[in-house]
Amino acid sequence: MLIDFHTHANLAKKITSSLEDITTKIQEAKASGLTALAITEHFNSKNIIQLYETLYNAFPYTENYYHINGLKVFCGLEVDVKETGHFLVIGDRDDILTIARYLLPYQDQENFIAVNDLIALLANFNVLKIGGHPLRESTPWTQHPITVLSQFDAFDLNGKDLYTYGSDMEERVRSFAMQYHVPVVGGSDTHHHMQYGAIYNAFPECSTIDELRTAIQQGNYEVKISPCLNVKVKAATEIKKMIKERITV
């Protein structure tokens, strides 16, 4: 199973996707070689509830994933915390929708949820917790205590960061994660389909959150970085910028 743990259905928080857009993106993900992905949409995207309700009504669901055009699609959220840092939360569709609804009052940047309050909330659900792009300068996890950092199931080796900061970011993230005995998984952080396949993970076949967690804990996977990562991320970034400029004109 080739899975990307960090993807977005929307082009941006304020530029939302239709069902047709989502279906097209999934087709492109499959064409890139992926067989599974997690949609970790920003919790404060303006269509966050509608997005997951749309998936709920449109596609068949088994165990903990959707069947969409031959791909396994797991549900998730990317959640900002008050103290700085992004959680990638991946779980059953009902749990993700419940968490998204709970977080609606915290969508404003001045009122993000505190990290310990989010951890306490997530303790009520069977979810994967991944520390998103932990060394990104704008949203680092480095200032958090060990009690926070050691509870992650993994840290995110982020495709966008590999492009922005260079290939040595991989060693930096792995060294950071090792301090807290936390594994590392790959996520493209794509908002545009050109970025699929930039970085992904070779896993055994998994159909549930528990199976994903077990594979991560046992190290039964391999992170794969495409030799075309820079081209993929640059192309996706530039196209996204052009689309946003055209829409806002």
C-alpha atoms as a PDB file:
ATOM      1  CA  MET A   1       0.000   0.000   0.000  1.00  0.00           C
ATOM      2  CA  LEU A   2       1.484   3.351  -1.061  1.00  0.00           C
ATOM      3  CA  ILE A   3       0.022   6.059   1.177  1.00  0.00           C
ATOM      4  CA  ASP A   4       0.409   9.829   1.577  1.00  0.00           C
ATOM      5  CA  PHE A   5      -0.443  10.980   5.115  1.00  0.00           C
ATOM      6  CA  HIS A   6      -0.773  14.730   4.417  1.00  0.00           C
ATOM      7  CA  THR A   7      -3.058  15.897   1.598  1.00  0.00           C
ATOM      8  CA  HIS A   8      -5.735  18.524   1.101  1.00  0.00           C
ATOM      9  CA  ALA A   9      -8.971  18.415  -0.863  1.00  0.00           C
ATOM     10  CA  ASN A  10      -9.214  22.216  -1.054  1.00  0.00           C
ATOM     11  CA  LEU A  11      -6.855  24.419  -3.031  1.00  0.00           C
ATOM     12  CA  ALA A  12      -6.859  26.774  -0.045  1.00  0.00           C
ATOM     13  CA  LYS A  13      -8.876  27.371   3.118  1.00  0.00           C
ATOM     14  CA  LYS A  14     -11.091  29.888   1.319  1.00  0.00           C
ATOM     15  CA  ILE A  15     -11.069  28.140  -2.081  1.00  0.00           C
ATOM     16  CA  THR A  16     -13.157  25.049  -1.584  1.00  0.00           C
ATOM     17  CA  SER A  17     -13.547  21.920  -3.681  1.00  0.00           C
ATOM     18  CA  SER A  18     -16.630  20.446  -5.276  1.00  0.00           C
ATOM     19  CA  LEU A  19     -17.346  16.734  -5.373  1.00  0.00           C
ATOM     20  CA  GLU A  20     -16.134  16.754  -8.979  1.00  0.00           C
ATOM     21  CA  ASP A  21     -12.880  18.439  -7.919  1.00  0.00           C
ATOM     22  CA  ILE A  22     -12.302  15.843  -5.209  1.00  0.00           C
ATOM     23  CA  THR A  23     -12.987  12.956  -7.592  1.00  0.00           C
ATOM     24  CA  THR A  24     -10.546  14.399 -10.125  1.00  0.00           C
ATOM     25  CA  LYS A  25      -7.868  14.804  -7.460  1.00  0.00           C
ATOM     26  CA  ILE A  26      -8.294  11.198  -6.376  1.00  0.00           C
ATOM     27  CA  GLN A  27      -7.927  10.079  -9.990  1.00  0.00           C
ATOM     28  CA  GLU A  28      -4.696  12.071 -10.225  1.00  0.00           C
ATOM     29  CA  ALA A  29      -3.452  10.583  -6.951  1.00  0.00           C
ATOM     30  CA  LYS A  30      -4.008   7.110  -8.388  1.00  0.00           C
ATOM     31  CA  ALA A  31      -2.271   8.086 -11.630  1.00  0.00           C
ATOM     32  CA  SER A  32       0.747   9.196  -9.570  1.00  0.00           C
ATOM     33  CA  GLY A  33       1.047   5.665  -8.189  1.00  0.00           C
ATOM     34  CA  LEU A  34      -0.660   6.072  -4.818  1.00  0.00           C
ATOM     35  CA  THR A  35      -3.039   3.394  -3.574  1.00  0.00           C
ATOM     36  CA  ALA A  36      -4.102   5.226  -0.396  1.00  0.00           C
ATOM     37  CA  LEU A  37      -4.082   8.679   1.140  1.00  0.00           C
ATOM     38  CA  ALA A  38      -5.333  10.650   4.111  1.00  0.00           C
ATOM     39  CA  ILE A  39      -7.267  13.864   3.482  1.00  0.00           C
ATOM     40  CA  THR A  40      -6.058  16.076   6.329  1.00  0.00           C
ATOM     41  CA  GLU A  41      -8.047  19.185   5.504  1.00  0.00           C
ATOM     42  CA  HIS A  42      -7.483  22.358   7.528  1.00  0.00           C
ATOM     43  CA  PHE A  43      -9.919  22.379  10.439  1.00  0.00           C
ATOM     44  CA  ASN A  44     -10.725  26.033   9.725  1.00  0.00           C
ATOM     45  CA  SER A  45     -11.465  25.668   6.024  1.00  0.00           C
ATOM     46  CA  LYS A  46     -14.804  27.324   5.442  1.00  0.00           C
ATOM     47  CA  ASN A  47     -16.352  24.109   4.056  1.00  0.00           C
ATOM     48  CA  ILE A  48     -14.909  21.657   6.572  1.00  0.00           C
ATOM     49  CA  ILE A  49     -18.229  20.172   7.723  1.00  0.00           C
ATOM     50  CA  GLN A  50     -19.726  20.152   4.237  1.00  0.00           C
ATOM     51  CA  LEU A  51     -16.601  18.449   2.862  1.00  0.00           C
ATOM     52  CA  TYR A  52     -16.890  15.421   5.104  1.00  0.00           C
ATOM     53  CA  GLU A  53     -20.658  15.276   4.800  1.00  0.00           C
ATOM     54  CA  THR A  54     -20.206  15.250   1.007  1.00  0.00           C
ATOM     55  CA  LEU A  55     -17.816  12.302   1.187  1.00  0.00           C
ATOM     56  CA  TYR A  56     -20.200  10.562   3.587  1.00  0.00           C
ATOM     57  CA  ASN A  57     -23.026  10.712   1.077  1.00  0.00           C
ATOM     58  CA  ALA A  58     -21.043  10.090  -2.109  1.00  0.00           C
ATOM     59  CA  PHE A  59     -18.751   7.103  -1.567  1.00  0.00           C
ATOM     60  CA  PRO A  60     -18.821   3.621  -0.029  1.00  0.00           C
ATOM     61  CA  TYR A  61     -17.049   3.194   3.298  1.00  0.00           C
ATOM     62  CA  THR A  62     -15.445   0.073   4.784  1.00  0.00           C
ATOM     63  CA  GLU A  63     -13.753  -0.290   8.176  1.00  0.00           C
ATOM     64  CA  ASN A  64     -11.966   3.109   8.439  1.00  0.00           C
ATOM     65  CA  TYR A  65     -11.674   4.263   4.821  1.00  0.00           C
ATOM     66  CA  TYR A  66     -13.596   5.348   1.737  1.00  0.00           C
ATOM     67  CA  HIS A  67     -13.402   3.535  -1.597  1.00  0.00           C
ATOM     68  CA  ILE A  68     -12.867   6.288  -4.186  1.00  0.00           C
ATOM     69  CA  ASN A  69     -11.822   5.335  -7.697  1.00  0.00           C
ATOM     70  CA  GLY A  70      -9.825   2.377  -6.453  1.00  0.00           C
ATOM     71  CA  LEU A  71      -8.021   4.276  -3.667  1.00  0.00           C
ATOM     72  CA  LYS A  72      -8.327   3.921   0.076  1.00  0.00           C
ATOM     73  CA  VAL A  73      -9.089   7.373   1.448  1.00  0.00           C
ATOM     74  CA  PHE A  74      -8.797   7.963   5.188  1.00  0.00           C
ATOM     75  CA  CYS A  75     -10.296  11.047   6.863  1.00  0.00           C
ATOM     76  CA  GLY A  76      -8.367  13.591   8.846  1.00  0.00           C
ATOM     77  CA  LEU A  77      -7.854  17.172   9.930  1.00  0.00           C
ATOM     78  CA  GLU A  78      -4.937  19.559  10.175  1.00  0.00           C
ATOM     79  CA  VAL A  79      -5.401  21.493  13.417  1.00  0.00           C
ATOM     80  CA  ASP A  80      -3.539  24.631  14.525  1.00  0.00           C
ATOM     81  CA  VAL A  81      -2.872  25.000  18.242  1.00  0.00           C
ATOM     82  CA  LYS A  82      -2.587  28.230  20.213  1.00  0.00           C
ATOM     83  CA  GLU A  83       1.058  27.712  21.173  1.00  0.00           C
ATOM     84  CA  THR A  84       2.074  27.148  17.487  1.00  0.00           C
ATOM     85  CA  GLY A  85       2.164  23.846  15.682  1.00  0.00           C
ATOM     86  CA  HIS A  86      -0.056  21.784  13.433  1.00  0.00           C
ATOM     87  CA  PHE A  87      -1.615  18.438  14.393  1.00  0.00           C
ATOM     88  CA  LEU A  88      -2.476  15.969  11.650  1.00  0.00           C
ATOM     89  CA  VAL A  89      -5.346  13.920  13.073  1.00  0.00           C
ATOM     90  CA  ILE A  90      -6.474  10.805  11.155  1.00  0.00           C
ATOM     91  CA  GLY A  91      -9.366   8.604  12.219  1.00  0.00           C
ATOM     92  CA  ASP A  92     -12.745   7.084  11.470  1.00  0.00           C
ATOM     93  CA  ARG A  93     -15.047   9.391   9.496  1.00  0.00           C
ATOM     94  CA  ASP A  94     -17.525   9.775  12.364  1.00  0.00           C
ATOM     95  CA  ASP A  95     -14.770  10.691  14.807  1.00  0.00           C
ATOM     96  CA  ILE A  96     -13.231  13.221  12.424  1.00  0.00           C
ATOM     97  CA  LEU A  97     -16.592  14.875  11.794  1.00  0.00           C
ATOM     98  CA  THR A  98     -17.283  15.026  15.549  1.00  0.00           C
ATOM     99  CA  ILE A  99     -13.859  16.586  16.201  1.00  0.00           C
ATOM    100  CA  ALA A 100     -14.350  19.086  13.355  1.00  0.00           C
ATOM    101  CA  ARG A 101     -17.682  20.186  14.813  1.00  0.00           C
ATOM    102  CA  TYR A 102     -16.177  20.527  18.290  1.00  0.00           C
ATOM    103  CA  LEU A 103     -13.404  22.750  16.911  1.00  0.00           C
ATOM    104  CA  LEU A 104     -15.719  25.192  15.101  1.00  0.00           C
ATOM    105  CA  PRO A 105     -15.473  27.802  17.919  1.00  0.00           C
ATOM    106  CA  TYR A 106     -11.650  27.654  17.655  1.00  0.00           C
ATOM    107  CA  GLN A 107     -11.324  28.450  13.956  1.00  0.00           C
ATOM    108  CA  ASP A 108     -10.216  32.038  14.428  1.00  0.00           C
ATOM    109  CA  GLN A 109      -6.453  32.534  14.697  1.00  0.00           C
ATOM    110  CA  GLU A 110      -6.868  34.571  17.864  1.00  0.00           C
ATOM    111  CA  ASN A 111      -8.738  31.706  19.498  1.00  0.00           C
ATOM    112  CA  PHE A 112      -6.957  28.477  18.494  1.00  0.00           C
ATOM    113  CA  ILE A 113      -7.349  25.607  20.923  1.00  0.00           C
ATOM    114  CA  ALA A 114      -4.580  25.108  23.508  1.00  0.00           C
ATOM    115  CA  VAL A 115      -2.367  22.114  22.787  1.00  0.00           C
ATOM    116  CA  ASN A 116      -3.153  20.300  26.042  1.00  0.00           C
ATOM    117  CA  ASP A 117      -6.872  20.840  25.517  1.00  0.00           C
ATOM    118  CA  LEU A 118      -6.585  19.318  22.045  1.00  0.00           C
ATOM    119  CA  ILE A 119      -4.639  16.340  23.395  1.00  0.00           C
ATOM    120  CA  ALA A 120      -7.308  15.826  26.053  1.00  0.00           C
ATOM    121  CA  LEU A 121     -10.032  16.002  23.378  1.00  0.00           C
ATOM    122  CA  LEU A 122      -8.288  13.507  21.103  1.00  0.00           C
ATOM    123  CA  ALA A 123      -7.852  11.055  23.990  1.00  0.00           C
ATOM    124  CA  ASN A 124     -11.572  10.316  23.576  1.00  0.00           C
ATOM    125  CA  PHE A 125     -11.052   9.026  20.022  1.00  0.00           C
ATOM    126  CA  ASN A 126      -9.015   6.348  18.285  1.00  0.00           C
ATOM    127  CA  VAL A 127      -6.966   8.639  16.042  1.00  0.00           C
ATOM    128  CA  LEU A 128      -3.454   8.875  14.684  1.00  0.00           C
ATOM    129  CA  LYS A 129      -1.676  12.002  15.880  1.00  0.00           C
ATOM    130  CA  ILE A 130       1.097  13.260  13.597  1.00  0.00           C
ATOM    131  CA  GLY A 131       3.151  16.377  14.278  1.00  0.00           C
ATOM    132  CA  GLY A 132       2.913  18.319  11.018  1.00  0.00           C
ATOM    133  CA  HIS A 133       6.104  19.798   9.485  1.00  0.00           C
ATOM    134  CA  PRO A 134       7.782  19.952  12.918  1.00  0.00           C
ATOM    135  CA  LEU A 135      10.713  22.182  11.918  1.00  0.00           C
ATOM    136  CA  ARG A 136       8.916  24.628   9.611  1.00  0.00           C
ATOM    137  CA  GLU A 137      10.022  28.096  10.678  1.00  0.00           C
ATOM    138  CA  SER A 138       6.489  29.510  10.777  1.00  0.00           C
ATOM    139  CA  THR A 139       4.940  26.692  12.842  1.00  0.00           C
ATOM    140  CA  PRO A 140       7.680  24.714  14.622  1.00  0.00           C
ATOM    141  CA  TRP A 141       7.118  22.114  17.298  1.00  0.00           C
ATOM    142  CA  THR A 142      10.522  22.756  18.882  1.00  0.00           C
ATOM    143  CA  GLN A 143       9.253  24.979  21.707  1.00  0.00           C
ATOM    144  CA  HIS A 144       6.892  22.344  23.134  1.00  0.00           C
ATOM    145  CA  PRO A 145       7.731  20.188  26.177  1.00  0.00           C
ATOM    146  CA  ILE A 146       8.479  16.475  26.015  1.00  0.00           C
ATOM    147  CA  THR A 147       5.046  15.696  27.476  1.00  0.00           C
ATOM    148  CA  VAL A 148       3.528  17.046  24.275  1.00  0.00           C
ATOM    149  CA  LEU A 149       6.089  15.839  21.744  1.00  0.00           C
ATOM    150  CA  SER A 150       6.389  12.270  23.006  1.00  0.00           C
ATOM    151  CA  GLN A 151       2.652  11.590  22.620  1.00  0.00           C
ATOM    152  CA  PHE A 152       2.692  11.784  18.824  1.00  0.00           C
ATOM    153  CA  ASP A 153       2.356   8.594  16.796  1.00  0.00           C
ATOM    154  CA  ALA A 154       4.712  10.116  14.205  1.00  0.00           C
ATOM    155  CA  PHE A 155       6.225  13.309  12.872  1.00  0.00           C
ATOM    156  CA  ASP A 156       5.634  14.528   9.338  1.00  0.00           C
ATOM    157  CA  LEU A 157       8.496  14.502   6.834  1.00  0.00           C
ATOM    158  CA  ASN A 158       6.885  17.142   4.689  1.00  0.00           C
ATOM    159  CA  GLY A 159       7.228  17.406   0.923  1.00  0.00           C
ATOM    160  CA  LYS A 160       6.801  21.166   0.904  1.00  0.00           C
ATOM    161  CA  ASP A 161       9.539  21.559   3.537  1.00  0.00           C
ATOM    162  CA  LEU A 162      11.952  19.301   1.633  1.00  0.00           C
ATOM    163  CA  TYR A 163      11.489  21.612  -1.331  1.00  0.00           C
ATOM    164  CA  THR A 164      11.722  24.851   0.699  1.00  0.00           C
ATOM    165  CA  TYR A 165      14.620  23.982   2.999  1.00  0.00           C
ATOM    166  CA  GLY A 166      16.503  21.330   1.021  1.00  0.00           C
ATOM    167  CA  SER A 167      17.138  17.610   1.340  1.00  0.00           C
ATOM    168  CA  ASP A 168      18.950  17.950   4.677  1.00  0.00           C
ATOM    169  CA  MET A 169      15.518  18.587   6.210  1.00  0.00           C
ATOM    170  CA  GLU A 170      15.041  14.810   6.250  1.00  0.00           C
ATOM    171  CA  GLU A 171      17.996  14.277   8.590  1.00  0.00           C
ATOM    172  CA  ARG A 172      16.942  17.234  10.722  1.00  0.00           C
ATOM    173  CA  VAL A 173      13.408  15.867  11.166  1.00  0.00           C
ATOM    174  CA  ARG A 174      14.661  12.346  11.887  1.00  0.00           C
ATOM    175  CA  SER A 175      17.129  13.629  14.472  1.00  0.00           C
ATOM    176  CA  PHE A 176      14.418  15.724  16.107  1.00  0.00           C
ATOM    177  CA  ALA A 177      11.990  12.785  16.184  1.00  0.00           C
ATOM    178  CA  MET A 178      14.616  10.428  17.595  1.00  0.00           C
ATOM    179  CA  GLN A 179      14.979  12.620  20.681  1.00  0.00           C
ATOM    180  CA  TYR A 180      11.379  11.757  21.599  1.00  0.00           C
ATOM    181  CA  HIS A 181      11.373   8.163  20.293  1.00  0.00           C
ATOM    182  CA  VAL A 182       8.764   9.086  17.700  1.00  0.00           C
ATOM    183  CA  PRO A 183       8.728   7.589  14.155  1.00  0.00           C
ATOM    184  CA  VAL A 184       8.661   9.656  10.965  1.00  0.00           C
ATOM    185  CA  VAL A 185       6.186   9.277   8.092  1.00  0.00           C
ATOM    186  CA  GLY A 186       5.991  11.136   4.792  1.00  0.00           C
ATOM    187  CA  GLY A 187       3.337  13.609   3.689  1.00  0.00           C
ATOM    188  CA  SER A 188       3.274  15.614   0.470  1.00  0.00           C
ATOM    189  CA  ASP A 189       1.224  18.501   1.954  1.00  0.00           C
ATOM    190  CA  THR A 190      -0.371  18.872  -1.457  1.00  0.00           C
ATOM    191  CA  HIS A 191      -3.181  21.279  -2.253  1.00  0.00           C
ATOM    192  CA  HIS A 192      -2.848  20.711  -5.995  1.00  0.00           C
ATOM    193  CA  HIS A 193      -2.757  17.325  -7.710  1.00  0.00           C
ATOM    194  CA  MET A 194       0.665  17.957  -9.306  1.00  0.00           C
ATOM    195  CA  GLN A 195       2.251  17.355  -5.903  1.00  0.00           C
ATOM    196  CA  TYR A 196       0.961  13.794  -5.388  1.00  0.00           C
ATOM    197  CA  GLY A 197       3.787  11.293  -5.368  1.00  0.00           C
ATOM    198  CA  ALA A 198       6.443  13.785  -4.231  1.00  0.00           C
ATOM    199  CA  ILE A 199       6.774  11.799  -0.995  1.00  0.00           C
ATOM    200  CA  TYR A 200       4.822   8.761   0.186  1.00  0.00           C
ATOM    201  CA  ASN A 201       5.068   5.652   2.340  1.00  0.00           C
ATOM    202  CA  ALA A 202       5.244   1.980   1.395  1.00  0.00           C
ATOM    203  CA  PHE A 203       3.045   0.193   3.966  1.00  0.00           C
ATOM    204  CA  PRO A 204       1.526  -3.254   4.264  1.00  0.00           C
ATOM    205  CA  GLU A 205      -2.156  -3.264   3.370  1.00  0.00           C
ATOM    206  CA  CYS A 206      -4.032  -1.474   6.160  1.00  0.00           C
ATOM    207  CA  SER A 207      -7.763  -0.872   6.476  1.00  0.00           C
ATOM    208  CA  THR A 208      -8.077   0.527   9.998  1.00  0.00           C
ATOM    209  CA  ILE A 209      -6.485   3.159  12.200  1.00  0.00           C
ATOM    210  CA  ASP A 210      -5.209   0.426  14.496  1.00  0.00           C
ATOM    211  CA  GLU A 211      -3.470  -1.324  11.600  1.00  0.00           C
ATOM    212  CA  LEU A 212      -1.823   1.914  10.499  1.00  0.00           C
ATOM    213  CA  ARG A 213      -0.668   2.632  14.045  1.00  0.00           C
ATOM    214  CA  THR A 214       0.740  -0.877  14.478  1.00  0.00           C
ATOM    215  CA  ALA A 215       2.708  -0.659  11.225  1.00  0.00           C
ATOM    216  CA  ILE A 216       4.153   2.696  12.311  1.00  0.00           C
ATOM    217  CA  GLN A 217       5.051   1.447  15.795  1.00  0.00           C
ATOM    218  CA  GLN A 218       6.727  -1.647  14.373  1.00  0.00           C
ATOM    219  CA  GLY A 219       8.581   0.296  11.704  1.00  0.00           C
ATOM    220  CA  ASN A 220       6.948  -1.902   9.089  1.00  0.00           C
ATOM    221  CA  TYR A 221       7.042   0.727   6.339  1.00  0.00           C
ATOM    222  CA  GLU A 222       9.438   2.814   4.275  1.00  0.00           C
ATOM    223  CA  VAL A 223       9.311   6.498   3.395  1.00  0.00           C
ATOM    224  CA  LYS A 224       9.856   7.114  -0.324  1.00  0.00           C
ATOM    225  CA  ILE A 225      11.005  10.467  -1.716  1.00  0.00           C
ATOM    226  CA  SER A 226      10.519  10.992  -5.432  1.00  0.00           C
ATOM    227  CA  PRO A 227      13.537  12.151  -7.453  1.00  0.00           C
ATOM    228  CA  CYS A 228      11.029  14.580  -9.018  1.00  0.00           C
ATOM    229  CA  LEU A 229       9.993  16.094  -5.667  1.00  0.00           C
ATOM    230  CA  ASN A 230      11.320  19.578  -6.426  1.00  0.00           C
ATOM    231  CA  VAL A 231       9.656  19.687  -9.840  1.00  0.00           C
ATOM    232  CA  LYS A 232       6.349  18.408  -8.453  1.00  0.00           C
ATOM    233  CA  VAL A 233       6.220  20.844  -5.542  1.00  0.00           C
ATOM    234  CA  LYS A 234       7.391  23.824  -7.600  1.00  0.00           C
ATOM    235  CA  ALA A 235       4.810  23.147 -10.311  1.00  0.00           C
ATOM    236  CA  ALA A 236       1.991  22.674  -7.789  1.00  0.00           C
ATOM    237  CA  THR A 237       2.981  25.820  -5.872  1.00  0.00           C
ATOM    238  CA  GLU A 238       3.113  27.995  -8.970  1.00  0.00           C
ATOM    239  CA  ILE A 239      -0.178  26.692 -10.372  1.00  0.00           C
ATOM    240  CA  LYS A 240      -1.878  27.172  -7.005  1.00  0.00           C
ATOM    241  CA  LYS A 241      -0.586  30.754  -6.859  1.00  0.00           C
ATOM    242  CA  MET A 242      -1.864  31.501 -10.373  1.00  0.00           C
ATOM    243  CA  ILE A 243      -5.313  30.099  -9.590  1.00  0.00           C
ATOM    244  CA  LYS A 244      -5.594  32.047  -6.341  1.00  0.00           C
ATOM    245  CA  GLU A 245      -4.563  35.286  -8.058  1.00  0.00           C
ATOM    246  CA  ARG A 246      -7.098  34.724 -10.835  1.00  0.00           C
ATOM    247  CA  ILE A 247      -9.909  34.025  -8.372  1.00  0.00           C
ATOM    248  CA  THR A 248      -9.181  37.064  -6.198  1.00  0.00           C
ATOM    249  CA  VAL A 249      -8.862  39.500  -9.108  1.00  0.00           C
END
